[in-house]
Amino acid sequence: MTSLFSRLIDKAVDLQFRKDPTGRLVFLPFGPRKKACFVDSKADEEKIRAFVKMYRSVSILISLLIYPSVYIPGMILDIYGGLSPWQHRLTITLGISLFFWLVLIALAIMLWAVYKATVPGLTASLTEVGPDLKDQLTELSPRSRRPALVFLFAGIALLAVGVLVATRYSPSRACPPNATSTSR
């Protein structure tokens, strides 16, 4: 049994493969508008799929780590840094968060550079698809947009409920009566 993450990666890898009208497999390394190559042997297909799956997995994991790398240092400093002024906490939080963010962005850029450098070596022995056939390529499996729409509407509903709860049940900030005014 494969995990949900592995199935999602497999679907993302499938998006880079198409079929031409005769049924030959076509690899689109940089998208449908760029260079495309015919993949004739099963060994080449497995090699390319393994490499693209590895690239996609690491890329998605780096993308998922960017948000916590910004949020968690801020949360920790907000909880444990109560003694210093808020300007210092904010500066330290932004500095730490941006450091981790830049490291992860640098990793993503290096990963893209490795992908761009490796793809020509993988596709060197493959024949290139002509521009007239690129418009006739079909997807391996038809994409269903239903799960994406369900997640989108569920996210919007959760956001609406969160905003409703936050505004409905927020404590009122009534001003205390002015105790300093006295009549003389």
C-alpha atoms as a PDB file:
ATOM      1  CA  MET A   1       0.000   0.000   0.000  1.00  0.00           C
ATOM      2  CA  THR A   2       1.476   3.320  -1.025  1.00  0.00           C
ATOM      3  CA  SER A   3       1.192   6.477   1.013  1.00  0.00           C
ATOM      4  CA  LEU A   4      -0.875   9.494   0.044  1.00  0.00           C
ATOM      5  CA  PHE A   5       2.292  11.523  -0.509  1.00  0.00           C
ATOM      6  CA  SER A   6       3.691   8.888  -2.874  1.00  0.00           C
ATOM      7  CA  ARG A   7       0.447   8.768  -4.862  1.00  0.00           C
ATOM      8  CA  LEU A   8       0.407  12.568  -5.169  1.00  0.00           C
ATOM      9  CA  ILE A   9       4.008  12.543  -6.376  1.00  0.00           C
ATOM     10  CA  ASP A  10       3.182   9.816  -8.904  1.00  0.00           C
ATOM     11  CA  LYS A  11       0.343  11.960 -10.265  1.00  0.00           C
ATOM     12  CA  ALA A  12       2.673  14.967 -10.494  1.00  0.00           C
ATOM     13  CA  VAL A  13       5.211  12.838 -12.388  1.00  0.00           C
ATOM     14  CA  ASP A  14       2.461  11.590 -14.724  1.00  0.00           C
ATOM     15  CA  LEU A  15       1.763  15.202 -15.687  1.00  0.00           C
ATOM     16  CA  GLN A  16       5.209  15.331 -17.324  1.00  0.00           C
ATOM     17  CA  PHE A  17       4.396  12.396 -19.595  1.00  0.00           C
ATOM     18  CA  ARG A  18       1.971  12.435 -22.519  1.00  0.00           C
ATOM     19  CA  LYS A  19       1.020  10.186 -25.426  1.00  0.00           C
ATOM     20  CA  ASP A  20       1.122  11.135 -29.083  1.00  0.00           C
ATOM     21  CA  PRO A  21      -1.671  10.064 -31.497  1.00  0.00           C
ATOM     22  CA  THR A  22       0.170   6.833 -32.351  1.00  0.00           C
ATOM     23  CA  GLY A  23       0.475   5.877 -28.661  1.00  0.00           C
ATOM     24  CA  ARG A  24       4.169   6.617 -28.148  1.00  0.00           C
ATOM     25  CA  LEU A  25       5.179   7.971 -24.755  1.00  0.00           C
ATOM     26  CA  VAL A  26       6.481  11.554 -24.676  1.00  0.00           C
ATOM     27  CA  PHE A  27       8.457  13.159 -21.828  1.00  0.00           C
ATOM     28  CA  LEU A  28       7.999  16.897 -21.211  1.00  0.00           C
ATOM     29  CA  PRO A  29      10.872  17.847 -18.880  1.00  0.00           C
ATOM     30  CA  PHE A  30      10.207  21.586 -18.738  1.00  0.00           C
ATOM     31  CA  GLY A  31       6.519  21.843 -19.588  1.00  0.00           C
ATOM     32  CA  PRO A  32       4.336  21.501 -22.678  1.00  0.00           C
ATOM     33  CA  ARG A  33       5.734  24.556 -24.486  1.00  0.00           C
ATOM     34  CA  LYS A  34       9.393  23.514 -24.266  1.00  0.00           C
ATOM     35  CA  LYS A  35      11.389  20.606 -25.678  1.00  0.00           C
ATOM     36  CA  ALA A  36       9.713  17.178 -25.618  1.00  0.00           C
ATOM     37  CA  CYS A  37      11.241  13.749 -26.237  1.00  0.00           C
ATOM     38  CA  PHE A  38       9.906  10.344 -27.272  1.00  0.00           C
ATOM     39  CA  VAL A  39      10.583   7.642 -24.673  1.00  0.00           C
ATOM     40  CA  ASP A  40      10.786   4.362 -26.553  1.00  0.00           C
ATOM     41  CA  SER A  41      12.254   1.915 -24.038  1.00  0.00           C
ATOM     42  CA  LYS A  42      10.845   0.868 -20.683  1.00  0.00           C
ATOM     43  CA  ALA A  43      14.295   1.241 -19.092  1.00  0.00           C
ATOM     44  CA  ASP A  44      14.520   4.884 -20.153  1.00  0.00           C
ATOM     45  CA  GLU A  45      10.993   5.512 -18.880  1.00  0.00           C
ATOM     46  CA  GLU A  46      11.760   3.991 -15.464  1.00  0.00           C
ATOM     47  CA  LYS A  47      15.014   5.923 -15.176  1.00  0.00           C
ATOM     48  CA  ILE A  48      13.334   9.221 -16.054  1.00  0.00           C
ATOM     49  CA  ARG A  49      10.339   8.562 -13.790  1.00  0.00           C
ATOM     50  CA  ALA A  50      12.611   7.720 -10.842  1.00  0.00           C
ATOM     51  CA  PHE A  51      14.624  10.903 -11.313  1.00  0.00           C
ATOM     52  CA  VAL A  52      11.551  13.141 -11.732  1.00  0.00           C
ATOM     53  CA  LYS A  53       9.892  11.511  -8.715  1.00  0.00           C
ATOM     54  CA  MET A  54      12.995  12.162  -6.608  1.00  0.00           C
ATOM     55  CA  TYR A  55      13.116  15.784  -7.787  1.00  0.00           C
ATOM     56  CA  ARG A  56       9.397  16.372  -7.165  1.00  0.00           C
ATOM     57  CA  SER A  57       9.516  14.750  -3.697  1.00  0.00           C
ATOM     58  CA  VAL A  58      12.413  16.875  -2.474  1.00  0.00           C
ATOM     59  CA  SER A  59      10.980  20.013  -4.063  1.00  0.00           C
ATOM     60  CA  ILE A  60       7.616  19.574  -2.358  1.00  0.00           C
ATOM     61  CA  LEU A  61       9.228  18.794   0.998  1.00  0.00           C
ATOM     62  CA  ILE A  62      11.319  21.980   0.768  1.00  0.00           C
ATOM     63  CA  SER A  63       8.191  23.953  -0.096  1.00  0.00           C
ATOM     64  CA  LEU A  64       6.365  22.480   2.886  1.00  0.00           C
ATOM     65  CA  LEU A  65       9.247  23.397   5.213  1.00  0.00           C
ATOM     66  CA  ILE A  66       9.282  27.074   4.234  1.00  0.00           C
ATOM     67  CA  TYR A  67       6.137  27.994   6.195  1.00  0.00           C
ATOM     68  CA  PRO A  68       7.124  26.401   9.529  1.00  0.00           C
ATOM     69  CA  SER A  69      10.619  27.859   9.235  1.00  0.00           C
ATOM     70  CA  VAL A  70       9.068  31.313   9.347  1.00  0.00           C
ATOM     71  CA  TYR A  71       6.260  30.624  11.809  1.00  0.00           C
ATOM     72  CA  ILE A  72       7.933  28.495  14.514  1.00  0.00           C
ATOM     73  CA  PRO A  73      10.772  30.880  15.485  1.00  0.00           C
ATOM     74  CA  GLY A  74       8.225  33.661  15.841  1.00  0.00           C
ATOM     75  CA  MET A  75       6.006  31.535  18.032  1.00  0.00           C
ATOM     76  CA  ILE A  76       8.910  30.426  20.234  1.00  0.00           C
ATOM     77  CA  LEU A  77      10.179  33.972  20.711  1.00  0.00           C
ATOM     78  CA  ASP A  78       6.697  35.223  21.427  1.00  0.00           C
ATOM     79  CA  ILE A  79       6.228  32.618  24.144  1.00  0.00           C
ATOM     80  CA  TYR A  80       9.687  32.613  25.734  1.00  0.00           C
ATOM     81  CA  GLY A  81      10.962  36.085  24.905  1.00  0.00           C
ATOM     82  CA  GLY A  82       8.571  38.064  27.059  1.00  0.00           C
ATOM     83  CA  LEU A  83      11.241  39.978  28.945  1.00  0.00           C
ATOM     84  CA  SER A  84      12.710  41.953  26.066  1.00  0.00           C
ATOM     85  CA  PRO A  85      10.921  44.815  24.278  1.00  0.00           C
ATOM     86  CA  TRP A  86       8.716  43.747  21.405  1.00  0.00           C
ATOM     87  CA  GLN A  87      10.901  45.529  18.848  1.00  0.00           C
ATOM     88  CA  HIS A  88      13.864  43.332  19.785  1.00  0.00           C
ATOM     89  CA  ARG A  89      11.742  40.194  19.679  1.00  0.00           C
ATOM     90  CA  LEU A  90      10.405  41.197  16.267  1.00  0.00           C
ATOM     91  CA  THR A  91      13.888  41.872  14.914  1.00  0.00           C
ATOM     92  CA  ILE A  92      15.245  38.572  16.199  1.00  0.00           C
ATOM     93  CA  THR A  93      12.202  36.672  14.930  1.00  0.00           C
ATOM     94  CA  LEU A  94      12.479  38.174  11.468  1.00  0.00           C
ATOM     95  CA  GLY A  95      16.218  37.554  11.360  1.00  0.00           C
ATOM     96  CA  ILE A  96      15.958  33.898  12.338  1.00  0.00           C
ATOM     97  CA  SER A  97      12.959  33.295  10.085  1.00  0.00           C
ATOM     98  CA  LEU A  98      14.550  34.948   7.076  1.00  0.00           C
ATOM     99  CA  PHE A  99      17.766  32.988   7.611  1.00  0.00           C
ATOM    100  CA  PHE A 100      15.908  29.650   7.483  1.00  0.00           C
ATOM    101  CA  TRP A 101      13.766  30.886   4.603  1.00  0.00           C
ATOM    102  CA  LEU A 102      16.820  31.897   2.569  1.00  0.00           C
ATOM    103  CA  VAL A 103      18.534  28.568   3.272  1.00  0.00           C
ATOM    104  CA  LEU A 104      15.474  26.673   2.034  1.00  0.00           C
ATOM    105  CA  ILE A 105      15.144  28.912  -1.026  1.00  0.00           C
ATOM    106  CA  ALA A 106      18.841  28.319  -1.780  1.00  0.00           C
ATOM    107  CA  LEU A 107      18.233  24.555  -1.516  1.00  0.00           C
ATOM    108  CA  ALA A 108      15.309  24.825  -3.929  1.00  0.00           C
ATOM    109  CA  ILE A 109      17.420  26.788  -6.409  1.00  0.00           C
ATOM    110  CA  MET A 110      20.268  24.251  -6.155  1.00  0.00           C
ATOM    111  CA  LEU A 111      17.776  21.426  -6.664  1.00  0.00           C
ATOM    112  CA  TRP A 112      16.438  23.151  -9.794  1.00  0.00           C
ATOM    113  CA  ALA A 113      19.993  23.604 -11.092  1.00  0.00           C
ATOM    114  CA  VAL A 114      20.682  19.882 -10.595  1.00  0.00           C
ATOM    115  CA  TYR A 115      17.435  19.019 -12.391  1.00  0.00           C
ATOM    116  CA  LYS A 116      18.233  21.333 -15.314  1.00  0.00           C
ATOM    117  CA  ALA A 117      21.754  19.898 -15.612  1.00  0.00           C
ATOM    118  CA  THR A 118      20.656  16.248 -15.375  1.00  0.00           C
ATOM    119  CA  VAL A 119      17.712  16.262 -17.792  1.00  0.00           C
ATOM    120  CA  PRO A 120      19.834  16.772 -20.942  1.00  0.00           C
ATOM    121  CA  GLY A 121      21.929  13.744 -19.950  1.00  0.00           C
ATOM    122  CA  LEU A 122      18.802  11.635 -19.464  1.00  0.00           C
ATOM    123  CA  THR A 123      17.252  12.709 -22.752  1.00  0.00           C
ATOM    124  CA  ALA A 124      20.403  12.752 -24.920  1.00  0.00           C
ATOM    125  CA  SER A 125      19.626   9.399 -26.551  1.00  0.00           C
ATOM    126  CA  LEU A 126      15.928  10.184 -27.055  1.00  0.00           C
ATOM    127  CA  THR A 127      14.464  11.650 -30.233  1.00  0.00           C
ATOM    128  CA  GLU A 128      12.872  15.071 -30.030  1.00  0.00           C
ATOM    129  CA  VAL A 129       9.182  15.612 -30.741  1.00  0.00           C
ATOM    130  CA  GLY A 130       8.429  17.942 -33.609  1.00  0.00           C
ATOM    131  CA  PRO A 131       6.433  21.137 -33.040  1.00  0.00           C
ATOM    132  CA  ASP A 132       3.544  19.813 -35.137  1.00  0.00           C
ATOM    133  CA  LEU A 133       3.015  16.869 -32.759  1.00  0.00           C
ATOM    134  CA  LYS A 134       3.177  18.906 -29.540  1.00  0.00           C
ATOM    135  CA  ASP A 135      -0.371  20.172 -30.033  1.00  0.00           C
ATOM    136  CA  GLN A 136      -1.686  16.623 -30.473  1.00  0.00           C
ATOM    137  CA  LEU A 137      -0.325  15.169 -27.226  1.00  0.00           C
ATOM    138  CA  THR A 138      -2.832  13.742 -24.749  1.00  0.00           C
ATOM    139  CA  GLU A 139      -2.459  13.139 -21.033  1.00  0.00           C
ATOM    140  CA  LEU A 140      -1.812   9.603 -19.788  1.00  0.00           C
ATOM    141  CA  SER A 141      -4.735   9.704 -17.387  1.00  0.00           C
ATOM    142  CA  PRO A 142      -7.407  12.363 -17.481  1.00  0.00           C
ATOM    143  CA  ARG A 143      -7.111  14.757 -14.575  1.00  0.00           C
ATOM    144  CA  SER A 144     -10.008  15.159 -12.252  1.00  0.00           C
ATOM    145  CA  ARG A 145     -10.417  18.665 -10.938  1.00  0.00           C
ATOM    146  CA  ARG A 146     -12.976  17.549  -8.393  1.00  0.00           C
ATOM    147  CA  PRO A 147     -10.560  16.882  -5.473  1.00  0.00           C
ATOM    148  CA  ALA A 148      -8.921  20.268  -5.972  1.00  0.00           C
ATOM    149  CA  LEU A 149     -12.286  22.002  -5.943  1.00  0.00           C
ATOM    150  CA  VAL A 150     -13.388  20.077  -2.852  1.00  0.00           C
ATOM    151  CA  PHE A 151     -10.202  21.090  -1.005  1.00  0.00           C
ATOM    152  CA  LEU A 152     -10.596  24.693  -2.154  1.00  0.00           C
ATOM    153  CA  PHE A 153     -14.194  24.969  -0.956  1.00  0.00           C
ATOM    154  CA  ALA A 154     -13.392  23.127   2.292  1.00  0.00           C
ATOM    155  CA  GLY A 155     -10.525  25.558   2.939  1.00  0.00           C
ATOM    156  CA  ILE A 156     -12.751  28.561   2.246  1.00  0.00           C
ATOM    157  CA  ALA A 157     -15.444  27.137   4.542  1.00  0.00           C
ATOM    158  CA  LEU A 158     -12.914  26.553   7.341  1.00  0.00           C
ATOM    159  CA  LEU A 159     -11.568  30.061   6.890  1.00  0.00           C
ATOM    160  CA  ALA A 160     -15.086  31.510   7.054  1.00  0.00           C
ATOM    161  CA  VAL A 161     -15.876  29.523  10.195  1.00  0.00           C
ATOM    162  CA  GLY A 162     -12.592  30.637  11.773  1.00  0.00           C
ATOM    163  CA  VAL A 163     -13.290  34.293  11.018  1.00  0.00           C
ATOM    164  CA  LEU A 164     -16.849  33.933  12.319  1.00  0.00           C
ATOM    165  CA  VAL A 165     -15.672  32.320  15.553  1.00  0.00           C
ATOM    166  CA  ALA A 166     -12.896  34.861  16.024  1.00  0.00           C
ATOM    167  CA  THR A 167     -15.207  37.835  15.580  1.00  0.00           C
ATOM    168  CA  ARG A 168     -18.195  36.424  17.420  1.00  0.00           C
ATOM    169  CA  TYR A 169     -16.425  35.222  20.539  1.00  0.00           C
ATOM    170  CA  SER A 170     -13.631  37.746  20.888  1.00  0.00           C
ATOM    171  CA  PRO A 171     -13.447  39.371  24.298  1.00  0.00           C
ATOM    172  CA  SER A 172     -14.832  42.868  24.385  1.00  0.00           C
ATOM    173  CA  ARG A 173     -12.347  45.583  25.113  1.00  0.00           C
ATOM    174  CA  ALA A 174     -14.487  47.921  27.087  1.00  0.00           C
ATOM    175  CA  CYS A 175     -12.646  50.799  28.689  1.00  0.00           C
ATOM    176  CA  PRO A 176     -12.679  50.765  32.490  1.00  0.00           C
ATOM    177  CA  PRO A 177     -14.340  53.705  34.124  1.00  0.00           C
ATOM    178  CA  ASN A 178     -12.110  56.681  34.629  1.00  0.00           C
ATOM    179  CA  ALA A 179     -11.087  56.481  38.276  1.00  0.00           C
ATOM    180  CA  THR A 180      -8.811  59.522  38.212  1.00  0.00           C
ATOM    181  CA  SER A 181     -11.513  62.068  37.666  1.00  0.00           C
ATOM    182  CA  THR A 182     -12.860  63.416  40.907  1.00  0.00           C
ATOM    183  CA  SER A 183     -15.054  66.308  41.535  1.00  0.00           C
ATOM    184  CA  ARG A 184     -13.765  68.982  43.881  1.00  0.00           C
END
